PDB file of N, CA and C in Angstrom:
ATOM      1  N   MET A   1      -3.264 -27.248  41.684  1.00  0.00           N
ATOM      2  CA  MET A   1      -3.795 -28.335  40.833  1.00  0.00           C
ATOM      3  C   MET A   1      -3.918 -29.699  41.582  1.00  0.00           C
ATOM      4  N   ARG A   2      -5.123 -30.194  40.968  1.00  0.00           N
ATOM      5  CA  ARG A   2      -5.205 -31.751  41.392  1.00  0.00           C
ATOM      6  C   ARG A   2      -4.681 -32.910  40.377  1.00  0.00           C
ATOM      7  N   ALA A   3      -3.787 -33.635  40.753  1.00  0.00           N
ATOM      8  CA  ALA A   3      -3.218 -34.549  40.309  1.00  0.00           C
ATOM      9  C   ALA A   3      -3.848 -35.353  39.396  1.00  0.00           C
ATOM     10  N   GLY A   4      -5.043 -35.792  39.747  1.00  0.00           N
ATOM     11  CA  GLY A   4      -5.779 -36.490  38.942  1.00  0.00           C
ATOM     12  C   GLY A   4      -6.477 -35.894  37.379  1.00  0.00           C
ATOM     13  N   LYS A   5      -6.357 -34.700  37.231  1.00  0.00           N
ATOM     14  CA  LYS A   5      -6.765 -34.286  35.873  1.00  0.00           C
ATOM     15  C   LYS A   5      -5.378 -34.257  35.122  1.00  0.00           C
ATOM     16  N   LEU A   6      -4.312 -34.445  35.616  1.00  0.00           N
ATOM     17  CA  LEU A   6      -3.227 -34.453  34.738  1.00  0.00           C
ATOM     18  C   LEU A   6      -2.927 -36.058  34.296  1.00  0.00           C
ATOM     19  N   ARG A   7      -3.455 -36.415  33.095  1.00  0.00           N
ATOM     20  CA  ARG A   7      -3.642 -37.816  33.326  1.00  0.00           C
ATOM     21  C   ARG A   7      -2.586 -38.116  31.808  1.00  0.00           C
ATOM     22  N   HIS A   8      -2.135 -37.229  30.872  1.00  0.00           N
ATOM     23  CA  HIS A   8      -1.804 -37.431  29.721  1.00  0.00           C
ATOM     24  C   HIS A   8      -0.107 -37.360  29.780  1.00  0.00           C
ATOM     25  N   ARG A   9       0.570 -37.612  29.312  1.00  0.00           N
ATOM     26  CA  ARG A   9       2.137 -37.584  29.587  1.00  0.00           C
ATOM     27  C   ARG A   9       2.556 -37.059  27.885  1.00  0.00           C
ATOM     28  N   VAL A  10       2.954 -35.550  28.235  1.00  0.00           N
ATOM     29  CA  VAL A  10       3.420 -34.964  27.095  1.00  0.00           C
ATOM     30  C   VAL A  10       4.902 -34.563  27.306  1.00  0.00           C
ATOM     31  N   VAL A  11       5.284 -34.460  25.973  1.00  0.00           N
ATOM     32  CA  VAL A  11       6.782 -34.344  25.751  1.00  0.00           C
ATOM     33  C   VAL A  11       7.155 -32.753  25.163  1.00  0.00           C
ATOM     34  N   ILE A  12       7.880 -31.893  26.175  1.00  0.00           N
ATOM     35  CA  ILE A  12       8.374 -30.765  25.401  1.00  0.00           C
ATOM     36  C   ILE A  12       9.277 -30.527  24.950  1.00  0.00           C
ATOM     37  N   GLN A  13       9.404 -29.900  23.425  1.00  0.00           N
ATOM     38  CA  GLN A  13      10.669 -30.136  22.953  1.00  0.00           C
ATOM     39  C   GLN A  13      11.239 -28.631  22.460  1.00  0.00           C
ATOM     40  N   GLN A  14      12.384 -28.273  22.369  1.00  0.00           N
ATOM     41  CA  GLN A  14      12.924 -27.044  21.605  1.00  0.00           C
ATOM     42  C   GLN A  14      13.770 -27.497  20.280  1.00  0.00           C
ATOM     43  N   ASN A  15      13.595 -26.382  19.471  1.00  0.00           N
ATOM     44  CA  ASN A  15      14.351 -26.390  18.292  1.00  0.00           C
ATOM     45  C   ASN A  15      15.910 -26.323  18.388  1.00  0.00           C
ATOM     46  N   THR A  16      16.433 -27.424  18.050  1.00  0.00           N
ATOM     47  CA  THR A  16      18.174 -27.369  18.233  1.00  0.00           C
ATOM     48  C   THR A  16      18.279 -27.633  16.862  1.00  0.00           C
ATOM     49  N   PRO A  17      18.700 -26.721  15.834  1.00  0.00           N
ATOM     50  CA  PRO A  17      19.105 -26.864  14.479  1.00  0.00           C
ATOM     51  C   PRO A  17      20.168 -27.593  14.418  1.00  0.00           C
ATOM     52  N   THR A  18      20.451 -28.247  13.167  1.00  0.00           N
ATOM     53  CA  THR A  18      22.121 -29.042  13.188  1.00  0.00           C
ATOM     54  C   THR A  18      22.325 -28.703  11.623  1.00  0.00           C
ATOM     55  N   ARG A  19      23.676 -28.965  11.537  1.00  0.00           N
ATOM     56  CA  ARG A  19      23.812 -28.890   9.873  1.00  0.00           C
ATOM     57  C   ARG A  19      24.147 -30.204   9.477  1.00  0.00           C
ATOM     58  N   ASP A  20      23.927 -30.299   7.926  1.00  0.00           N
ATOM     59  CA  ASP A  20      24.087 -31.626   7.351  1.00  0.00           C
ATOM     60  C   ASP A  20      25.560 -31.313   6.862  1.00  0.00           C
ATOM     61  N   THR A  21      25.913 -32.634   6.078  1.00  0.00           N
ATOM     62  CA  THR A  21      27.368 -32.528   5.551  1.00  0.00           C
ATOM     63  C   THR A  21      27.777 -31.398   4.345  1.00  0.00           C
ATOM     64  N   ASP A  22      27.079 -31.026   3.915  1.00  0.00           N
ATOM     65  CA  ASP A  22      26.867 -29.665   3.045  1.00  0.00           C
ATOM     66  C   ASP A  22      26.868 -28.368   3.558  1.00  0.00           C
ATOM     67  N   GLY A  23      26.642 -28.362   5.137  1.00  0.00           N
ATOM     68  CA  GLY A  23      26.591 -27.215   5.529  1.00  0.00           C
ATOM     69  C   GLY A  23      25.112 -26.739   5.769  1.00  0.00           C
ATOM     70  N   ALA A  24      24.116 -27.167   4.995  1.00  0.00           N
ATOM     71  CA  ALA A  24      23.003 -26.807   5.347  1.00  0.00           C
ATOM     72  C   ALA A  24      22.077 -26.956   6.607  1.00  0.00           C
ATOM     73  N   GLU A  25      21.225 -25.922   6.865  1.00  0.00           N
ATOM     74  CA  GLU A  25      20.706 -26.052   8.383  1.00  0.00           C
ATOM     75  C   GLU A  25      19.699 -26.993   8.414  1.00  0.00           C
ATOM     76  N   LEU A  26      19.433 -27.880   9.248  1.00  0.00           N
ATOM     77  CA  LEU A  26      18.202 -28.887   9.316  1.00  0.00           C
ATOM     78  C   LEU A  26      17.571 -28.520  10.513  1.00  0.00           C
ATOM     79  N   GLU A  27      16.077 -28.600  10.387  1.00  0.00           N
ATOM     80  CA  GLU A  27      15.465 -28.309  11.946  1.00  0.00           C
ATOM     81  C   GLU A  27      15.411 -29.730  12.250  1.00  0.00           C
ATOM     82  N   SER A  28      16.053 -29.806  13.828  1.00  0.00           N
ATOM     83  CA  SER A  28      15.898 -30.852  14.407  1.00  0.00           C
ATOM     84  C   SER A  28      15.558 -30.581  16.256  1.00  0.00           C
ATOM     85  N   TRP A  29      14.305 -31.214  16.449  1.00  0.00           N
ATOM     86  CA  TRP A  29      14.179 -31.070  18.088  1.00  0.00           C
ATOM     87  C   TRP A  29      14.515 -31.943  18.893  1.00  0.00           C
ATOM     88  N   SER A  30      14.937 -31.323  19.956  1.00  0.00           N
ATOM     89  CA  SER A  30      15.407 -31.958  21.263  1.00  0.00           C
ATOM     90  C   SER A  30      14.273 -31.993  22.591  1.00  0.00           C
ATOM     91  N   THR A  31      14.094 -33.040  23.394  1.00  0.00           N
ATOM     92  CA  THR A  31      13.536 -33.228  24.214  1.00  0.00           C
ATOM     93  C   THR A  31      13.905 -32.539  25.523  1.00  0.00           C
ATOM     94  N   VAL A  32      12.780 -31.298  26.136  1.00  0.00           N
ATOM     95  CA  VAL A  32      13.321 -30.490  27.417  1.00  0.00           C
ATOM     96  C   VAL A  32      12.642 -31.289  28.548  1.00  0.00           C
ATOM     97  N   ALA A  33      11.684 -31.895  28.424  1.00  0.00           N
ATOM     98  CA  ALA A  33      10.985 -32.648  29.318  1.00  0.00           C
ATOM     99  C   ALA A  33       9.912 -33.515  28.886  1.00  0.00           C
ATOM    100  N   THR A  34       9.675 -34.389  30.034  1.00  0.00           N
ATOM    101  CA  THR A  34       8.340 -35.218  29.805  1.00  0.00           C
ATOM    102  C   THR A  34       7.663 -34.925  31.214  1.00  0.00           C
ATOM    103  N   VAL A  35       6.452 -34.738  30.903  1.00  0.00           N
ATOM    104  CA  VAL A  35       5.615 -34.203  32.498  1.00  0.00           C
ATOM    105  C   VAL A  35       4.078 -34.865  32.062  1.00  0.00           C
ATOM    106  N   TRP A  36       3.595 -34.835  33.202  1.00  0.00           N
ATOM    107  CA  TRP A  36       2.018 -35.352  33.087  1.00  0.00           C
ATOM    108  C   TRP A  36       1.052 -34.122  32.746  1.00  0.00           C
ATOM    109  N   ALA A  37       0.165 -33.990  31.936  1.00  0.00           N
ATOM    110  CA  ALA A  37      -0.518 -32.424  31.835  1.00  0.00           C
ATOM    111  C   ALA A  37      -1.922 -32.969  31.338  1.00  0.00           C
ATOM    112  N   ALA A  38      -2.868 -32.115  31.504  1.00  0.00           N
ATOM    113  CA  ALA A  38      -4.172 -32.303  31.250  1.00  0.00           C
ATOM    114  C   ALA A  38      -4.577 -31.479  29.438  1.00  0.00           C
ATOM    115  N   VAL A  39      -4.730 -32.476  28.231  1.00  0.00           N
ATOM    116  CA  VAL A  39      -4.848 -32.081  27.087  1.00  0.00           C
ATOM    117  C   VAL A  39      -6.164 -31.527  26.800  1.00  0.00           C
ATOM    118  N   ILE A  40      -6.560 -30.666  26.344  1.00  0.00           N
ATOM    119  CA  ILE A  40      -8.212 -29.806  26.185  1.00  0.00           C
ATOM    120  C   ILE A  40      -8.400 -29.427  24.778  1.00  0.00           C
ATOM    121  N   PRO A  41      -8.776 -29.908  24.006  1.00  0.00           N
ATOM    122  CA  PRO A  41      -9.234 -29.566  23.043  1.00  0.00           C
ATOM    123  C   PRO A  41     -10.122 -28.277  22.918  1.00  0.00           C
ATOM    124  N   LEU A  42      -9.970 -27.346  22.094  1.00  0.00           N
ATOM    125  CA  LEU A  42     -10.717 -26.017  22.201  1.00  0.00           C
ATOM    126  C   LEU A  42     -11.444 -25.736  21.130  1.00  0.00           C
ATOM    127  N   SER A  43     -10.994 -25.571  19.908  1.00  0.00           N
ATOM    128  CA  SER A  43     -11.524 -25.469  18.861  1.00  0.00           C
ATOM    129  C   SER A  43     -11.013 -25.876  17.623  1.00  0.00           C
ATOM    130  N   GLY A  44     -11.488 -26.183  16.252  1.00  0.00           N
ATOM    131  CA  GLY A  44     -11.080 -26.503  15.127  1.00  0.00           C
ATOM    132  C   GLY A  44     -11.596 -25.852  13.886  1.00  0.00           C
ATOM    133  N   ARG A  45     -10.722 -25.633  12.769  1.00  0.00           N
ATOM    134  CA  ARG A  45     -11.317 -25.084  11.640  1.00  0.00           C
ATOM    135  C   ARG A  45     -10.377 -25.394  10.547  1.00  0.00           C
ATOM    136  N   GLU A  46     -10.707 -25.188   9.332  1.00  0.00           N
ATOM    137  CA  GLU A  46     -10.032 -25.421   8.258  1.00  0.00           C
ATOM    138  C   GLU A  46     -10.044 -23.824   7.505  1.00  0.00           C
ATOM    139  N   GLN A  47      -8.573 -23.518   6.837  1.00  0.00           N
ATOM    140  CA  GLN A  47      -8.424 -22.372   6.230  1.00  0.00           C
ATOM    141  C   GLN A  47      -7.862 -22.723   4.714  1.00  0.00           C
ATOM    142  N   PHE A  48      -8.133 -21.803   3.751  1.00  0.00           N
ATOM    143  CA  PHE A  48      -7.484 -22.005   2.445  1.00  0.00           C
ATOM    144  C   PHE A  48      -6.251 -21.311   2.487  1.00  0.00           C
ATOM    145  N   ILE A  49      -5.160 -22.053   1.891  1.00  0.00           N
ATOM    146  CA  ILE A  49      -4.165 -21.460   1.853  1.00  0.00           C
ATOM    147  C   ILE A  49      -3.458 -20.374   0.543  1.00  0.00           C
ATOM    148  N   ASN A  50      -3.917 -21.046  -0.561  1.00  0.00           N
ATOM    149  CA  ASN A  50      -3.408 -20.598  -1.908  1.00  0.00           C
ATOM    150  C   ASN A  50      -5.077 -20.905  -2.803  1.00  0.00           C
ATOM    151  N   ALA A  51      -4.856 -20.386  -4.223  1.00  0.00           N
ATOM    152  CA  ALA A  51      -5.676 -20.319  -5.115  1.00  0.00           C
ATOM    153  C   ALA A  51      -5.688 -21.729  -5.543  1.00  0.00           C
ATOM    154  N   GLU A  52      -5.080 -22.751  -5.034  1.00  0.00           N
ATOM    155  CA  GLU A  52      -4.970 -23.924  -5.710  1.00  0.00           C
ATOM    156  C   GLU A  52      -5.776 -24.681  -4.794  1.00  0.00           C
ATOM    157  N   ASP A  53      -6.724 -24.395  -4.026  1.00  0.00           N
ATOM    158  CA  ASP A  53      -7.594 -25.260  -3.118  1.00  0.00           C
ATOM    159  C   ASP A  53      -7.066 -25.630  -2.345  1.00  0.00           C
ATOM    160  N   GLN A  54      -5.649 -25.636  -1.728  1.00  0.00           N
ATOM    161  CA  GLN A  54      -5.349 -26.239  -0.713  1.00  0.00           C
ATOM    162  C   GLN A  54      -5.811 -25.540   0.484  1.00  0.00           C
ATOM    163  N   THR A  55      -5.647 -26.648   1.550  1.00  0.00           N
ATOM    164  CA  THR A  55      -6.169 -25.940   3.028  1.00  0.00           C
ATOM    165  C   THR A  55      -5.157 -26.656   3.987  1.00  0.00           C
ATOM    166  N   VAL A  56      -5.128 -26.069   5.168  1.00  0.00           N
ATOM    167  CA  VAL A  56      -5.062 -26.685   6.368  1.00  0.00           C
ATOM    168  C   VAL A  56      -5.717 -26.659   7.187  1.00  0.00           C
ATOM    169  N   ALA A  57      -5.854 -27.713   8.259  1.00  0.00           N
ATOM    170  CA  ALA A  57      -6.699 -27.747   9.605  1.00  0.00           C
ATOM    171  C   ALA A  57      -6.060 -27.257  10.530  1.00  0.00           C
ATOM    172  N   LEU A  58      -6.769 -26.183  11.610  1.00  0.00           N
ATOM    173  CA  LEU A  58      -6.321 -25.640  12.433  1.00  0.00           C
ATOM    174  C   LEU A  58      -6.679 -25.995  13.837  1.00  0.00           C
ATOM    175  N   SER A  59      -6.486 -26.434  14.852  1.00  0.00           N
ATOM    176  CA  SER A  59      -6.829 -27.203  15.892  1.00  0.00           C
ATOM    177  C   SER A  59      -6.458 -26.250  17.250  1.00  0.00           C
ATOM    178  N   SER A  60      -7.048 -25.522  17.706  1.00  0.00           N
ATOM    179  CA  SER A  60      -6.726 -24.901  19.046  1.00  0.00           C
ATOM    180  C   SER A  60      -6.832 -25.846  20.518  1.00  0.00           C
ATOM    181  N   THR A  61      -5.642 -25.946  21.139  1.00  0.00           N
ATOM    182  CA  THR A  61      -5.635 -26.943  22.492  1.00  0.00           C
ATOM    183  C   THR A  61      -5.030 -26.274  23.562  1.00  0.00           C
ATOM    184  N   ARG A  62      -5.618 -26.713  24.904  1.00  0.00           N
ATOM    185  CA  ARG A  62      -4.779 -25.710  26.058  1.00  0.00           C
ATOM    186  C   ARG A  62      -4.556 -27.208  26.662  1.00  0.00           C
ATOM    187  N   ILE A  63      -3.164 -26.919  26.848  1.00  0.00           N
ATOM    188  CA  ILE A  63      -2.661 -27.929  27.830  1.00  0.00           C
ATOM    189  C   ILE A  63      -2.126 -27.597  29.388  1.00  0.00           C
ATOM    190  N   GLU A  64      -2.954 -27.862  30.167  1.00  0.00           N
ATOM    191  CA  GLU A  64      -2.466 -27.746  31.565  1.00  0.00           C
ATOM    192  C   GLU A  64      -1.650 -28.226  32.394  1.00  0.00           C
ATOM    193  N   MET A  65      -0.587 -27.448  32.895  1.00  0.00           N
ATOM    194  CA  MET A  65       0.451 -28.549  33.270  1.00  0.00           C
ATOM    195  C   MET A  65       0.819 -27.768  34.932  1.00  0.00           C
ATOM    196  N   ARG A  66       1.774 -28.653  35.563  1.00  0.00           N
ATOM    197  CA  ARG A  66       1.992 -27.641  36.660  1.00  0.00           C
ATOM    198  C   ARG A  66       3.540 -27.077  36.519  1.00  0.00           C
ATOM    199  N   TYR A  67       3.698 -25.762  36.992  1.00  0.00           N
ATOM    200  CA  TYR A  67       4.742 -24.941  36.779  1.00  0.00           C
ATOM    201  C   TYR A  67       5.834 -25.538  36.317  1.00  0.00           C
ATOM    202  N   ARG A  68       6.495 -24.689  35.663  1.00  0.00           N
ATOM    203  CA  ARG A  68       7.732 -25.112  34.957  1.00  0.00           C
ATOM    204  C   ARG A  68       8.312 -23.801  34.605  1.00  0.00           C
ATOM    205  N   SER A  69       9.791 -23.660  34.874  1.00  0.00           N
ATOM    206  CA  SER A  69      10.550 -22.186  34.563  1.00  0.00           C
ATOM    207  C   SER A  69      10.917 -22.301  33.427  1.00  0.00           C
ATOM    208  N   GLY A  70      11.378 -21.515  32.578  1.00  0.00           N
ATOM    209  CA  GLY A  70      12.129 -21.761  31.250  1.00  0.00           C
ATOM    210  C   GLY A  70      11.483 -22.327  29.936  1.00  0.00           C
ATOM    211  N   LEU A  71      10.064 -22.459  29.921  1.00  0.00           N
ATOM    212  CA  LEU A  71       9.280 -22.088  29.056  1.00  0.00           C
ATOM    213  C   LEU A  71       9.326 -21.151  28.169  1.00  0.00           C
ATOM    214  N   THR A  72       9.423 -21.174  26.675  1.00  0.00           N
ATOM    215  CA  THR A  72       9.018 -20.350  25.689  1.00  0.00           C
ATOM    216  C   THR A  72       8.117 -20.483  24.501  1.00  0.00           C
ATOM    217  N   THR A  73       7.625 -19.651  23.966  1.00  0.00           N
ATOM    218  CA  THR A  73       6.597 -19.965  22.598  1.00  0.00           C
ATOM    219  C   THR A  73       7.751 -20.480  21.481  1.00  0.00           C
ATOM    220  N   ARG A  74       8.793 -20.540  21.576  1.00  0.00           N
ATOM    221  CA  ARG A  74       9.545 -20.806  20.410  1.00  0.00           C
ATOM    222  C   ARG A  74       9.558 -22.794  20.448  1.00  0.00           C
ATOM    223  N   MET A  75       9.037 -23.122  21.787  1.00  0.00           N
ATOM    224  CA  MET A  75       8.981 -24.666  22.069  1.00  0.00           C
ATOM    225  C   MET A  75       7.944 -25.404  21.661  1.00  0.00           C
ATOM    226  N   ARG A  76       7.460 -26.247  21.390  1.00  0.00           N
ATOM    227  CA  ARG A  76       6.472 -27.203  21.005  1.00  0.00           C
ATOM    228  C   ARG A  76       6.266 -28.092  22.163  1.00  0.00           C
ATOM    229  N   VAL A  77       4.873 -28.879  21.927  1.00  0.00           N
ATOM    230  CA  VAL A  77       4.698 -29.818  22.707  1.00  0.00           C
ATOM    231  C   VAL A  77       3.920 -31.158  21.765  1.00  0.00           C
ATOM    232  N   THR A  78       4.514 -32.270  22.110  1.00  0.00           N
ATOM    233  CA  THR A  78       3.992 -33.366  21.321  1.00  0.00           C
ATOM    234  C   THR A  78       3.172 -34.316  22.418  1.00  0.00           C
ATOM    235  N   TRP A  79       2.376 -35.389  21.684  1.00  0.00           N
ATOM    236  CA  TRP A  79       1.448 -35.753  22.575  1.00  0.00           C
ATOM    237  C   TRP A  79       0.750 -36.813  21.750  1.00  0.00           C
ATOM    238  N   SER A  80       0.862 -38.129  21.684  1.00  0.00           N
ATOM    239  CA  SER A  80      -0.470 -39.195  21.091  1.00  0.00           C
ATOM    240  C   SER A  80      -0.191 -38.662  19.892  1.00  0.00           C
ATOM    241  N   GLY A  81       1.122 -38.837  19.236  1.00  0.00           N
ATOM    242  CA  GLY A  81       1.086 -38.341  17.721  1.00  0.00           C
ATOM    243  C   GLY A  81       0.685 -37.176  17.135  1.00  0.00           C
ATOM    244  N   HIS A  82       0.502 -36.075  18.009  1.00  0.00           N
ATOM    245  CA  HIS A  82       0.282 -34.952  17.559  1.00  0.00           C
ATOM    246  C   HIS A  82       1.230 -34.006  18.196  1.00  0.00           C
ATOM    247  N   THR A  83       1.389 -32.914  17.226  1.00  0.00           N
ATOM    248  CA  THR A  83       2.458 -31.878  17.548  1.00  0.00           C
ATOM    249  C   THR A  83       1.683 -30.552  17.614  1.00  0.00           C
ATOM    250  N   TYR A  84       1.795 -29.968  19.153  1.00  0.00           N
ATOM    251  CA  TYR A  84       1.295 -28.562  19.022  1.00  0.00           C
ATOM    252  C   TYR A  84       2.528 -27.242  19.041  1.00  0.00           C
ATOM    253  N   ASP A  85       2.196 -26.377  18.524  1.00  0.00           N
ATOM    254  CA  ASP A  85       3.145 -25.183  18.410  1.00  0.00           C
ATOM    255  C   ASP A  85       2.988 -24.175  19.971  1.00  0.00           C
ATOM    256  N   ILE A  86       3.812 -23.818  20.574  1.00  0.00           N
ATOM    257  CA  ILE A  86       2.997 -23.340  21.504  1.00  0.00           C
ATOM    258  C   ILE A  86       2.775 -21.657  21.350  1.00  0.00           C
ATOM    259  N   GLN A  87       1.621 -21.017  21.334  1.00  0.00           N
ATOM    260  CA  GLN A  87       1.514 -19.730  21.133  1.00  0.00           C
ATOM    261  C   GLN A  87       1.522 -18.958  22.029  1.00  0.00           C
ATOM    262  N   ARG A  88       1.105 -19.061  23.474  1.00  0.00           N
ATOM    263  CA  ARG A  88       0.757 -18.395  24.677  1.00  0.00           C
ATOM    264  C   ARG A  88       1.066 -19.174  25.868  1.00  0.00           C
ATOM    265  N   ILE A  89       1.792 -18.676  26.871  1.00  0.00           N
ATOM    266  CA  ILE A  89       1.917 -19.557  27.825  1.00  0.00           C
ATOM    267  C   ILE A  89       1.436 -18.458  29.495  1.00  0.00           C
ATOM    268  N   VAL A  90       0.504 -19.062  29.891  1.00  0.00           N
ATOM    269  CA  VAL A  90      -0.164 -18.448  30.855  1.00  0.00           C
ATOM    270  C   VAL A  90       0.014 -18.862  32.310  1.00  0.00           C
ATOM    271  N   GLU A  91       0.451 -18.196  33.325  1.00  0.00           N
ATOM    272  CA  GLU A  91       0.758 -18.622  34.966  1.00  0.00           C
ATOM    273  C   GLU A  91      -0.710 -18.163  35.189  1.00  0.00           C
ATOM    274  N   VAL A  92      -1.168 -19.098  35.847  1.00  0.00           N
ATOM    275  CA  VAL A  92      -2.682 -19.318  36.671  1.00  0.00           C
ATOM    276  C   VAL A  92      -2.174 -18.455  38.062  1.00  0.00           C
ATOM    277  N   ASN A  93      -2.951 -17.797  38.378  1.00  0.00           N
ATOM    278  CA  ASN A  93      -2.922 -17.002  39.597  1.00  0.00           C
ATOM    279  C   ASN A  93      -1.448 -16.737  39.653  1.00  0.00           C
ATOM    280  N   THR A  94      -0.390 -16.103  39.161  1.00  0.00           N
ATOM    281  CA  THR A  94       1.066 -15.925  39.334  1.00  0.00           C
ATOM    282  C   THR A  94       1.301 -16.264  40.714  1.00  0.00           C
ATOM    283  N   ARG A  95       1.475 -17.562  41.237  1.00  0.00           N
ATOM    284  CA  ARG A  95       1.601 -18.309  41.966  1.00  0.00           C
ATOM    285  C   ARG A  95       2.880 -19.638  41.883  1.00  0.00           C
ATOM    286  N   GLN A  96       3.253 -19.444  40.264  1.00  0.00           N
ATOM    287  CA  GLN A  96       4.099 -20.926  40.107  1.00  0.00           C
ATOM    288  C   GLN A  96       3.703 -22.315  40.508  1.00  0.00           C
ATOM    289  N   ARG A  97       2.651 -21.919  40.356  1.00  0.00           N
ATOM    290  CA  ARG A  97       2.196 -24.007  40.635  1.00  0.00           C
ATOM    291  C   ARG A  97       1.293 -24.243  39.486  1.00  0.00           C
ATOM    292  N   GLU A  98       0.663 -23.394  38.603  1.00  0.00           N
ATOM    293  CA  GLU A  98       0.368 -24.058  37.212  1.00  0.00           C
ATOM    294  C   GLU A  98       0.440 -23.436  36.099  1.00  0.00           C
ATOM    295  N   LEU A  99       0.642 -23.753  34.848  1.00  0.00           N
ATOM    296  CA  LEU A  99       0.636 -23.129  33.792  1.00  0.00           C
ATOM    297  C   LEU A  99      -0.183 -23.659  32.518  1.00  0.00           C
ATOM    298  N   HIS A 100      -0.612 -22.944  31.745  1.00  0.00           N
ATOM    299  CA  HIS A 100      -1.885 -23.153  30.786  1.00  0.00           C
ATOM    300  C   HIS A 100      -0.808 -22.777  29.613  1.00  0.00           C
ATOM    301  N   LEU A 101      -0.713 -23.837  28.449  1.00  0.00           N
ATOM    302  CA  LEU A 101      -0.290 -23.666  27.380  1.00  0.00           C
ATOM    303  C   LEU A 101      -1.151 -23.560  26.473  1.00  0.00           C
ATOM    304  N   LEU A 102      -1.467 -22.454  25.744  1.00  0.00           N
ATOM    305  CA  LEU A 102      -2.429 -22.393  24.746  1.00  0.00           C
ATOM    306  C   LEU A 102      -1.622 -22.410  23.210  1.00  0.00           C
ATOM    307  N   CYS A 103      -1.824 -23.602  22.592  1.00  0.00           N
ATOM    308  CA  CYS A 103      -1.364 -24.314  21.495  1.00  0.00           C
ATOM    309  C   CYS A 103      -2.003 -24.340  20.212  1.00  0.00           C
ATOM    310  N   GLU A 104      -1.678 -24.084  19.095  1.00  0.00           N
ATOM    311  CA  GLU A 104      -2.502 -24.584  18.059  1.00  0.00           C
ATOM    312  C   GLU A 104      -1.400 -25.654  16.900  1.00  0.00           C
ATOM    313  N   GLU A 105      -2.436 -26.777  16.528  1.00  0.00           N
ATOM    314  CA  GLU A 105      -2.033 -27.586  16.053  1.00  0.00           C
ATOM    315  C   GLU A 105      -2.035 -27.597  14.181  1.00  0.00           C
ATOM    316  N   VAL A 106      -1.286 -27.896  13.398  1.00  0.00           N
ATOM    317  CA  VAL A 106      -1.540 -27.535  11.951  1.00  0.00           C
ATOM    318  C   VAL A 106      -1.410 -28.509  11.365  1.00  0.00           C
ATOM    319  N   ASN A 107      -1.856 -29.100  10.673  1.00  0.00           N
ATOM    320  CA  ASN A 107      -1.738 -30.263   9.590  1.00  0.00           C
ATOM    321  C   ASN A 107      -2.731 -29.691   8.367  1.00  0.00           C
ATOM    322  N   ALA A 108      -1.709 -29.990   7.597  1.00  0.00           N
ATOM    323  CA  ALA A 108      -1.602 -29.710   5.847  1.00  0.00           C
ATOM    324  C   ALA A 108      -2.813 -30.792   5.274  1.00  0.00           C
ATOM    325  N   ASP A 109      -3.732 -30.630   4.680  1.00  0.00           N
ATOM    326  CA  ASP A 109      -4.256 -31.293   3.824  1.00  0.00           C
ATOM    327  C   ASP A 109      -3.578 -31.866   2.371  1.00  0.00           C
ATOM    328  N   GLU A 110      -3.592 -33.102   1.903  1.00  0.00           N
ATOM    329  CA  GLU A 110      -2.656 -33.537   0.959  1.00  0.00           C
ATOM    330  C   GLU A 110      -3.425 -33.759  -0.089  1.00  0.00           C
TER     331      GLU A 110
END
């Protein structure tokens, strides 16, 4: 993998639920790693989610990075104010050198 194409600094996060004073579970994300990567937009679309004409904007993105063990699809990636849910993790050429994270960003229309 050529280092020149890894020009975006992305943050990999995992969900670490916490509890508030009433014992209710709160969603909380902690940083696993900050790495150099290439963020490549693939496609975008809008989808209706209910009868009240609410829509969500879905954006598919591929994030290319050096190999890193321990990543799962329960993690997410943040970059430049965007949050991407990891849908699939593809190890390129099975040589533990490069990973492609196939991600989806979901933004609800207000």
